[in-house]
PDB file of all heavy atoms in Angstrom:
ATOM      1  N   LEU A   1       0.819  -1.168  -0.057  1.00  0.00           N
ATOM      2  CA  LEU A   1      -0.009   0.012  -0.045  1.00  0.00           C
ATOM      3  C   LEU A   1       0.867   1.275   0.036  1.00  0.00           C
ATOM      4  O   LEU A   1       0.575   2.265  -0.738  1.00  0.00           O
ATOM      5  CB  LEU A   1      -0.818  -0.016   1.227  1.00  0.00           C
ATOM      6  CG  LEU A   1      -2.066   1.071   1.263  1.00  0.00           C
ATOM      7  CD1 LEU A   1      -2.965   0.864   0.112  1.00  0.00           C
ATOM      8  CD2 LEU A   1      -2.747   0.915   2.574  1.00  0.00           C
ATOM      9  N   TYR A   2       1.979   1.218   0.793  1.00  0.00           N
ATOM     10  CA  TYR A   2       2.838   2.364   0.926  1.00  0.00           C
ATOM     11  C   TYR A   2       3.446   2.613  -0.459  1.00  0.00           C
ATOM     12  O   TYR A   2       3.593   3.858  -0.917  1.00  0.00           O
ATOM     13  CB  TYR A   2       3.892   2.158   1.897  1.00  0.00           C
ATOM     14  CG  TYR A   2       4.925   3.222   2.068  1.00  0.00           C
ATOM     15  CD1 TYR A   2       4.674   4.566   2.423  1.00  0.00           C
ATOM     16  CD2 TYR A   2       6.259   3.006   1.689  1.00  0.00           C
ATOM     17  CE1 TYR A   2       5.623   5.529   2.453  1.00  0.00           C
ATOM     18  CE2 TYR A   2       7.222   3.992   1.782  1.00  0.00           C
ATOM     19  CZ  TYR A   2       6.832   5.226   2.107  1.00  0.00           C
ATOM     20  OH  TYR A   2       7.833   6.176   2.186  1.00  0.00           O
ATOM     21  N   LEU A   3       3.887   1.677  -1.242  1.00  0.00           N
ATOM     22  CA  LEU A   3       4.551   1.814  -2.416  1.00  0.00           C
ATOM     23  C   LEU A   3       3.581   2.233  -3.555  1.00  0.00           C
ATOM     24  O   LEU A   3       3.972   2.966  -4.488  1.00  0.00           O
ATOM     25  CB  LEU A   3       5.215   0.524  -2.933  1.00  0.00           C
ATOM     26  CG  LEU A   3       6.356  -0.021  -2.108  1.00  0.00           C
ATOM     27  CD1 LEU A   3       6.887  -1.378  -2.681  1.00  0.00           C
ATOM     28  CD2 LEU A   3       7.531   0.978  -2.139  1.00  0.00           C
ATOM     29  N   ASN A   4       2.284   1.847  -3.537  1.00  0.00           N
ATOM     30  CA  ASN A   4       1.390   2.168  -4.587  1.00  0.00           C
ATOM     31  C   ASN A   4       0.365   3.271  -4.368  1.00  0.00           C
ATOM     32  O   ASN A   4      -0.177   3.795  -5.278  1.00  0.00           O
ATOM     33  CB  ASN A   4       0.618   0.907  -4.890  1.00  0.00           C
ATOM     34  CG  ASN A   4       1.531  -0.222  -5.543  1.00  0.00           C
ATOM     35  OD1 ASN A   4       1.883  -0.112  -6.699  1.00  0.00           O
ATOM     36  ND2 ASN A   4       1.849  -1.164  -4.775  1.00  0.00           N
ATOM     37  N   LEU A   5       0.193   3.692  -3.027  1.00  0.00           N
ATOM     38  CA  LEU A   5      -0.788   4.730  -2.764  1.00  0.00           C
ATOM     39  C   LEU A   5      -0.175   6.107  -2.921  1.00  0.00           C
ATOM     40  O   LEU A   5       0.902   6.333  -2.398  1.00  0.00           O
ATOM     41  CB  LEU A   5      -1.372   4.510  -1.326  1.00  0.00           C
ATOM     42  CG  LEU A   5      -2.289   5.615  -0.901  1.00  0.00           C
ATOM     43  CD1 LEU A   5      -3.542   5.533  -1.722  1.00  0.00           C
ATOM     44  CD2 LEU A   5      -2.561   5.483   0.543  1.00  0.00           C
ATOM     45  N   GLU A   6      -0.700   6.954  -3.729  1.00  0.00           N
ATOM     46  CA  GLU A   6      -0.253   8.307  -3.998  1.00  0.00           C
ATOM     47  C   GLU A   6      -1.253   9.329  -3.379  1.00  0.00           C
ATOM     48  O   GLU A   6      -2.372   9.171  -3.700  1.00  0.00           O
ATOM     49  CB  GLU A   6       0.112   8.589  -5.462  1.00  0.00           C
ATOM     50  CG  GLU A   6       1.199   7.700  -5.971  1.00  0.00           C
ATOM     51  CD  GLU A   6       1.487   8.039  -7.377  1.00  0.00           C
ATOM     52  OE1 GLU A   6       0.579   8.581  -8.157  1.00  0.00           O
ATOM     53  OE2 GLU A   6       2.560   7.746  -7.922  1.00  0.00           O
ATOM     54  N   ILE A   7      -0.715  10.362  -2.706  1.00  0.00           N
ATOM     55  CA  ILE A   7      -1.607  11.353  -2.151  1.00  0.00           C
ATOM     56  C   ILE A   7      -1.296  12.711  -2.791  1.00  0.00           C
ATOM     57  O   ILE A   7      -0.064  13.057  -2.781  1.00  0.00           O
ATOM     58  CB  ILE A   7      -1.501  11.351  -0.627  1.00  0.00           C
ATOM     59  CG1 ILE A   7      -1.877  10.118  -0.042  1.00  0.00           C
ATOM     60  CG2 ILE A   7      -2.231  12.536  -0.003  1.00  0.00           C
ATOM     61  CD1 ILE A   7      -1.703   9.991   1.423  1.00  0.00           C
ATOM     62  N   LYS A   8      -2.155  13.438  -3.218  1.00  0.00           N
ATOM     63  CA  LYS A   8      -2.038  14.746  -3.822  1.00  0.00           C
ATOM     64  C   LYS A   8      -2.093  15.812  -2.833  1.00  0.00           C
ATOM     65  O   LYS A   8      -3.103  15.976  -2.146  1.00  0.00           O
ATOM     66  CB  LYS A   8      -2.900  15.003  -5.029  1.00  0.00           C
ATOM     67  CG  LYS A   8      -2.683  16.353  -5.757  1.00  0.00           C
ATOM     68  CD  LYS A   8      -3.606  16.400  -6.980  1.00  0.00           C
ATOM     69  CE  LYS A   8      -3.188  15.528  -8.055  1.00  0.00           C
ATOM     70  NZ  LYS A   8      -3.930  15.771  -9.358  1.00  0.00           N
ATOM     71  N   GLY A   9      -0.967  16.647  -2.703  1.00  0.00           N
ATOM     72  CA  GLY A   9      -1.000  17.707  -1.694  1.00  0.00           C
ATOM     73  C   GLY A   9      -1.730  18.920  -2.175  1.00  0.00           C
ATOM     74  O   GLY A   9      -2.250  18.969  -3.232  1.00  0.00           O
ATOM     75  N   THR A  10      -1.805  19.922  -1.309  1.00  0.00           N
ATOM     76  CA  THR A  10      -2.503  21.143  -1.637  1.00  0.00           C
ATOM     77  C   THR A  10      -1.936  21.838  -2.782  1.00  0.00           C
ATOM     78  O   THR A  10      -2.700  22.549  -3.456  1.00  0.00           O
ATOM     79  CB  THR A  10      -2.600  22.025  -0.355  1.00  0.00           C
ATOM     80  OG1 THR A  10      -1.226  22.268   0.051  1.00  0.00           O
ATOM     81  CG2 THR A  10      -3.381  21.446   0.789  1.00  0.00           C
ATOM     82  N   LYS A  11      -0.712  21.752  -2.953  1.00  0.00           N
ATOM     83  CA  LYS A  11      -0.061  22.429  -4.114  1.00  0.00           C
ATOM     84  C   LYS A  11       0.071  21.527  -5.345  1.00  0.00           C
ATOM     85  O   LYS A  11       0.733  21.858  -6.322  1.00  0.00           O
ATOM     86  CB  LYS A  11       1.318  22.907  -3.715  1.00  0.00           C
ATOM     87  CG  LYS A  11       1.360  23.937  -2.577  1.00  0.00           C
ATOM     88  CD  LYS A  11       2.712  24.322  -2.151  1.00  0.00           C
ATOM     89  CE  LYS A  11       2.743  25.310  -1.014  1.00  0.00           C
ATOM     90  NZ  LYS A  11       4.122  25.761  -0.581  1.00  0.00           N
ATOM     91  N   GLY A  12      -0.611  20.431  -5.376  1.00  0.00           N
ATOM     92  CA  GLY A  12      -0.632  19.569  -6.418  1.00  0.00           C
ATOM     93  C   GLY A  12       0.507  18.522  -6.484  1.00  0.00           C
ATOM     94  O   GLY A  12       0.516  17.632  -7.465  1.00  0.00           O
ATOM     95  N   GLN A  13       1.354  18.565  -5.600  1.00  0.00           N
ATOM     96  CA  GLN A  13       2.483  17.627  -5.510  1.00  0.00           C
ATOM     97  C   GLN A  13       1.950  16.189  -5.044  1.00  0.00           C
ATOM     98  O   GLN A  13       1.054  16.167  -4.272  1.00  0.00           O
ATOM     99  CB  GLN A  13       3.589  18.059  -4.641  1.00  0.00           C
ATOM    100  CG  GLN A  13       3.344  17.934  -3.147  1.00  0.00           C
ATOM    101  CD  GLN A  13       2.524  19.163  -2.527  1.00  0.00           C
ATOM    102  OE1 GLN A  13       1.842  19.742  -3.279  1.00  0.00           O
ATOM    103  NE2 GLN A  13       2.598  19.283  -1.249  1.00  0.00           N
ATOM    104  N   VAL A  14       2.596  15.215  -5.615  1.00  0.00           N
ATOM    105  CA  VAL A  14       2.210  13.829  -5.287  1.00  0.00           C
ATOM    106  C   VAL A  14       3.195  13.177  -4.348  1.00  0.00           C
ATOM    107  O   VAL A  14       4.398  13.245  -4.706  1.00  0.00           O
ATOM    108  CB  VAL A  14       2.076  12.993  -6.608  1.00  0.00           C
ATOM    109  CG1 VAL A  14       1.677  11.524  -6.287  1.00  0.00           C
ATOM    110  CG2 VAL A  14       0.935  13.609  -7.555  1.00  0.00           C
ATOM    111  N   THR A  15       2.690  12.685  -3.288  1.00  0.00           N
ATOM    112  CA  THR A  15       3.614  12.069  -2.315  1.00  0.00           C
ATOM    113  C   THR A  15       3.049  10.717  -1.850  1.00  0.00           C
ATOM    114  O   THR A  15       1.886  10.432  -2.161  1.00  0.00           O
ATOM    115  CB  THR A  15       3.834  12.987  -1.050  1.00  0.00           C
ATOM    116  OG1 THR A  15       2.516  13.187  -0.373  1.00  0.00           O
ATOM    117  CG2 THR A  15       4.393  14.284  -1.446  1.00  0.00           C
ATOM    118  N   ARG A  16       3.832  10.030  -1.099  1.00  0.00           N
ATOM    119  CA  ARG A  16       3.361   8.783  -0.521  1.00  0.00           C
ATOM    120  C   ARG A  16       2.862   9.053   0.926  1.00  0.00           C
ATOM    121  O   ARG A  16       3.123  10.124   1.436  1.00  0.00           O
ATOM    122  CB  ARG A  16       4.531   7.701  -0.299  1.00  0.00           C
ATOM    123  CG  ARG A  16       4.884   7.121  -1.731  1.00  0.00           C
ATOM    124  CD  ARG A  16       5.808   5.959  -1.462  1.00  0.00           C
ATOM    125  NE  ARG A  16       6.068   5.218  -2.697  1.00  0.00           N
ATOM    126  CZ  ARG A  16       7.031   5.582  -3.608  1.00  0.00           C
ATOM    127  NH1 ARG A  16       7.897   6.543  -3.295  1.00  0.00           N
ATOM    128  NH2 ARG A  16       7.195   4.883  -4.648  1.00  0.00           N
ATOM    129  N   ALA A  17       2.052   8.117   1.506  1.00  0.00           N
ATOM    130  CA  ALA A  17       1.453   8.446   2.716  1.00  0.00           C
ATOM    131  C   ALA A  17       2.401   8.310   3.897  1.00  0.00           C
ATOM    132  O   ALA A  17       2.987   7.323   4.155  1.00  0.00           O
ATOM    133  CB  ALA A  17       0.254   7.359   2.962  1.00  0.00           C
ATOM    134  N   GLU A  18       2.652   9.464   4.527  1.00  0.00           N
ATOM    135  CA  GLU A  18       3.617   9.578   5.566  1.00  0.00           C
ATOM    136  C   GLU A  18       3.267   8.618   6.757  1.00  0.00           C
ATOM    137  O   GLU A  18       4.056   8.050   7.450  1.00  0.00           O
ATOM    138  CB  GLU A  18       3.809  10.969   6.053  1.00  0.00           C
ATOM    139  CG  GLU A  18       5.059  11.143   6.967  1.00  0.00           C
ATOM    140  CD  GLU A  18       5.365  12.659   7.139  1.00  0.00           C
ATOM    141  OE1 GLU A  18       5.339  13.424   6.244  1.00  0.00           O
ATOM    142  OE2 GLU A  18       5.783  12.958   8.265  1.00  0.00           O
ATOM    143  N   ILE A  19       1.992   8.521   6.977  1.00  0.00           N
ATOM    144  CA  ILE A  19       1.530   7.772   8.125  1.00  0.00           C
ATOM    145  C   ILE A  19       1.856   6.305   8.033  1.00  0.00           C
ATOM    146  O   ILE A  19       2.100   5.597   8.928  1.00  0.00           O
ATOM    147  CB  ILE A  19       0.012   7.858   8.447  1.00  0.00           C
ATOM    148  CG1 ILE A  19      -0.437   7.287   9.749  1.00  0.00           C
ATOM    149  CG2 ILE A  19      -0.774   7.392   7.224  1.00  0.00           C
ATOM    150  CD1 ILE A  19      -1.867   7.542  10.131  1.00  0.00           C
ATOM    151  N   LEU A  20       1.813   5.785   6.725  1.00  0.00           N
ATOM    152  CA  LEU A  20       2.305   4.413   6.417  1.00  0.00           C
ATOM    153  C   LEU A  20       3.696   4.233   6.587  1.00  0.00           C
ATOM    154  O   LEU A  20       4.236   3.301   7.086  1.00  0.00           O
ATOM    155  CB  LEU A  20       1.775   4.081   5.035  1.00  0.00           C
ATOM    156  CG  LEU A  20       0.371   3.920   4.812  1.00  0.00           C
ATOM    157  CD1 LEU A  20       0.067   3.644   3.328  1.00  0.00           C
ATOM    158  CD2 LEU A  20      -0.260   2.865   5.704  1.00  0.00           C
ATOM    159  N   GLN A  21       4.474   5.307   6.276  1.00  0.00           N
ATOM    160  CA  GLN A  21       5.915   5.239   6.422  1.00  0.00           C
ATOM    161  C   GLN A  21       6.247   5.186   7.899  1.00  0.00           C
ATOM    162  O   GLN A  21       7.085   4.270   8.350  1.00  0.00           O
ATOM    163  CB  GLN A  21       6.590   6.541   5.877  1.00  0.00           C
ATOM    164  CG  GLN A  21       8.052   6.727   6.096  1.00  0.00           C
ATOM    165  CD  GLN A  21       8.522   8.181   5.844  1.00  0.00           C
ATOM    166  OE1 GLN A  21       9.074   8.850   6.617  1.00  0.00           O
ATOM    167  NE2 GLN A  21       8.127   8.651   4.723  1.00  0.00           N
ATOM    168  N   GLU A  22       5.616   5.936   8.774  1.00  0.00           N
ATOM    169  CA  GLU A  22       5.815   5.904  10.165  1.00  0.00           C
ATOM    170  C   GLU A  22       5.339   4.451  10.805  1.00  0.00           C
ATOM    171  O   GLU A  22       5.990   3.824  11.663  1.00  0.00           O
ATOM    172  CB  GLU A  22       5.058   6.912  10.955  1.00  0.00           C
ATOM    173  CG  GLU A  22       5.528   8.386  10.592  1.00  0.00           C
ATOM    174  CD  GLU A  22       4.649   9.486  11.056  1.00  0.00           C
ATOM    175  OE1 GLU A  22       3.610   9.061  11.721  1.00  0.00           O
ATOM    176  OE2 GLU A  22       5.034  10.591  10.894  1.00  0.00           O
ATOM    177  N   GLY A  23       4.245   3.962  10.173  1.00  0.00           N
ATOM    178  CA  GLY A  23       3.789   2.593  10.683  1.00  0.00           C
ATOM    179  C   GLY A  23       4.680   1.570  10.323  1.00  0.00           C
ATOM    180  O   GLY A  23       5.018   0.610  11.178  1.00  0.00           O
ATOM    181  N   LEU A  24       5.323   1.573   9.088  1.00  0.00           N
ATOM    182  CA  LEU A  24       6.282   0.480   8.678  1.00  0.00           C
ATOM    183  C   LEU A  24       7.487   0.530   9.645  1.00  0.00           C
ATOM    184  O   LEU A  24       8.078  -0.536   9.930  1.00  0.00           O
ATOM    185  CB  LEU A  24       6.625   0.639   7.239  1.00  0.00           C
ATOM    186  CG  LEU A  24       5.487   0.405   6.235  1.00  0.00           C
ATOM    187  CD1 LEU A  24       5.929   0.692   4.798  1.00  0.00           C
ATOM    188  CD2 LEU A  24       5.157  -1.110   6.340  1.00  0.00           C
ATOM    189  N   ARG A  25       7.989   1.746   9.997  1.00  0.00           N
ATOM    190  CA  ARG A  25       9.044   1.884  10.886  1.00  0.00           C
ATOM    191  C   ARG A  25       8.782   1.203  12.308  1.00  0.00           C
ATOM    192  O   ARG A  25       9.691   0.440  12.769  1.00  0.00           O
ATOM    193  CB  ARG A  25       9.372   3.343  11.059  1.00  0.00           C
ATOM    194  CG  ARG A  25      10.572   3.568  12.031  1.00  0.00           C
ATOM    195  CD  ARG A  25      11.832   3.096  11.445  1.00  0.00           C
ATOM    196  NE  ARG A  25      12.994   3.491  12.288  1.00  0.00           N
ATOM    197  CZ  ARG A  25      13.558   2.784  13.174  1.00  0.00           C
ATOM    198  NH1 ARG A  25      13.108   1.519  13.464  1.00  0.00           N
ATOM    199  NH2 ARG A  25      14.649   3.121  13.899  1.00  0.00           N
ATOM    200  N   GLU A  26       7.583   1.448  12.717  1.00  0.00           N
ATOM    201  CA  GLU A  26       7.248   0.810  14.048  1.00  0.00           C
ATOM    202  C   GLU A  26       7.104  -0.694  13.908  1.00  0.00           C
ATOM    203  O   GLU A  26       7.424  -1.480  14.702  1.00  0.00           O
ATOM    204  CB  GLU A  26       5.908   1.425  14.522  1.00  0.00           C
ATOM    205  CG  GLU A  26       5.373   0.836  15.828  1.00  0.00           C
ATOM    206  CD  GLU A  26       6.340   0.904  16.989  1.00  0.00           C
ATOM    207  OE1 GLU A  26       7.277   1.902  16.976  1.00  0.00           O
ATOM    208  OE2 GLU A  26       6.409   0.005  17.819  1.00  0.00           O
ATOM    209  N   LEU A  27       6.571  -1.146  12.758  1.00  0.00           N
ATOM    210  CA  LEU A  27       6.374  -2.658  12.518  1.00  0.00           C
ATOM    211  C   LEU A  27       7.786  -3.309  12.374  1.00  0.00           C
ATOM    212  O   LEU A  27       7.913  -4.444  12.949  1.00  0.00           O
ATOM    213  CB  LEU A  27       5.593  -2.951  11.281  1.00  0.00           C
ATOM    214  CG  LEU A  27       4.110  -2.488  11.323  1.00  0.00           C
ATOM    215  CD1 LEU A  27       3.438  -2.625   9.926  1.00  0.00           C
ATOM    216  CD2 LEU A  27       3.338  -3.341  12.314  1.00  0.00           C
ATOM    217  N   LEU A  28       8.713  -2.678  11.834  1.00  0.00           N
ATOM    218  CA  LEU A  28      10.069  -3.179  11.811  1.00  0.00           C
ATOM    219  C   LEU A  28      10.668  -3.286  13.207  1.00  0.00           C
ATOM    220  O   LEU A  28      11.262  -4.286  13.621  1.00  0.00           O
ATOM    221  CB  LEU A  28      11.056  -2.247  11.023  1.00  0.00           C
ATOM    222  CG  LEU A  28      10.933  -2.520   9.461  1.00  0.00           C
ATOM    223  CD1 LEU A  28      11.661  -1.349   8.752  1.00  0.00           C
ATOM    224  CD2 LEU A  28      11.566  -3.902   9.189  1.00  0.00           C
ATOM    225  N   ASN A  29      10.391  -2.338  14.161  1.00  0.00           N
ATOM    226  CA  ASN A  29      10.827  -2.378  15.460  1.00  0.00           C
ATOM    227  C   ASN A  29      10.234  -3.604  16.154  1.00  0.00           C
ATOM    228  O   ASN A  29      10.908  -4.260  16.915  1.00  0.00           O
ATOM    229  CB  ASN A  29      10.386  -1.147  16.255  1.00  0.00           C
ATOM    230  CG  ASN A  29      11.248   0.075  15.959  1.00  0.00           C
ATOM    231  OD1 ASN A  29      12.348  -0.100  15.524  1.00  0.00           O
ATOM    232  ND2 ASN A  29      10.688   1.282  16.065  1.00  0.00           N
TER     233      ASN A  29
END
């Protein structure tokens, strides 16, 4: 999901979901 989900920001920029990034870090822990 983290690799494939794209979120469009207020300025039109496309990024990945930061909450998933934080979640994966905790899951690794």
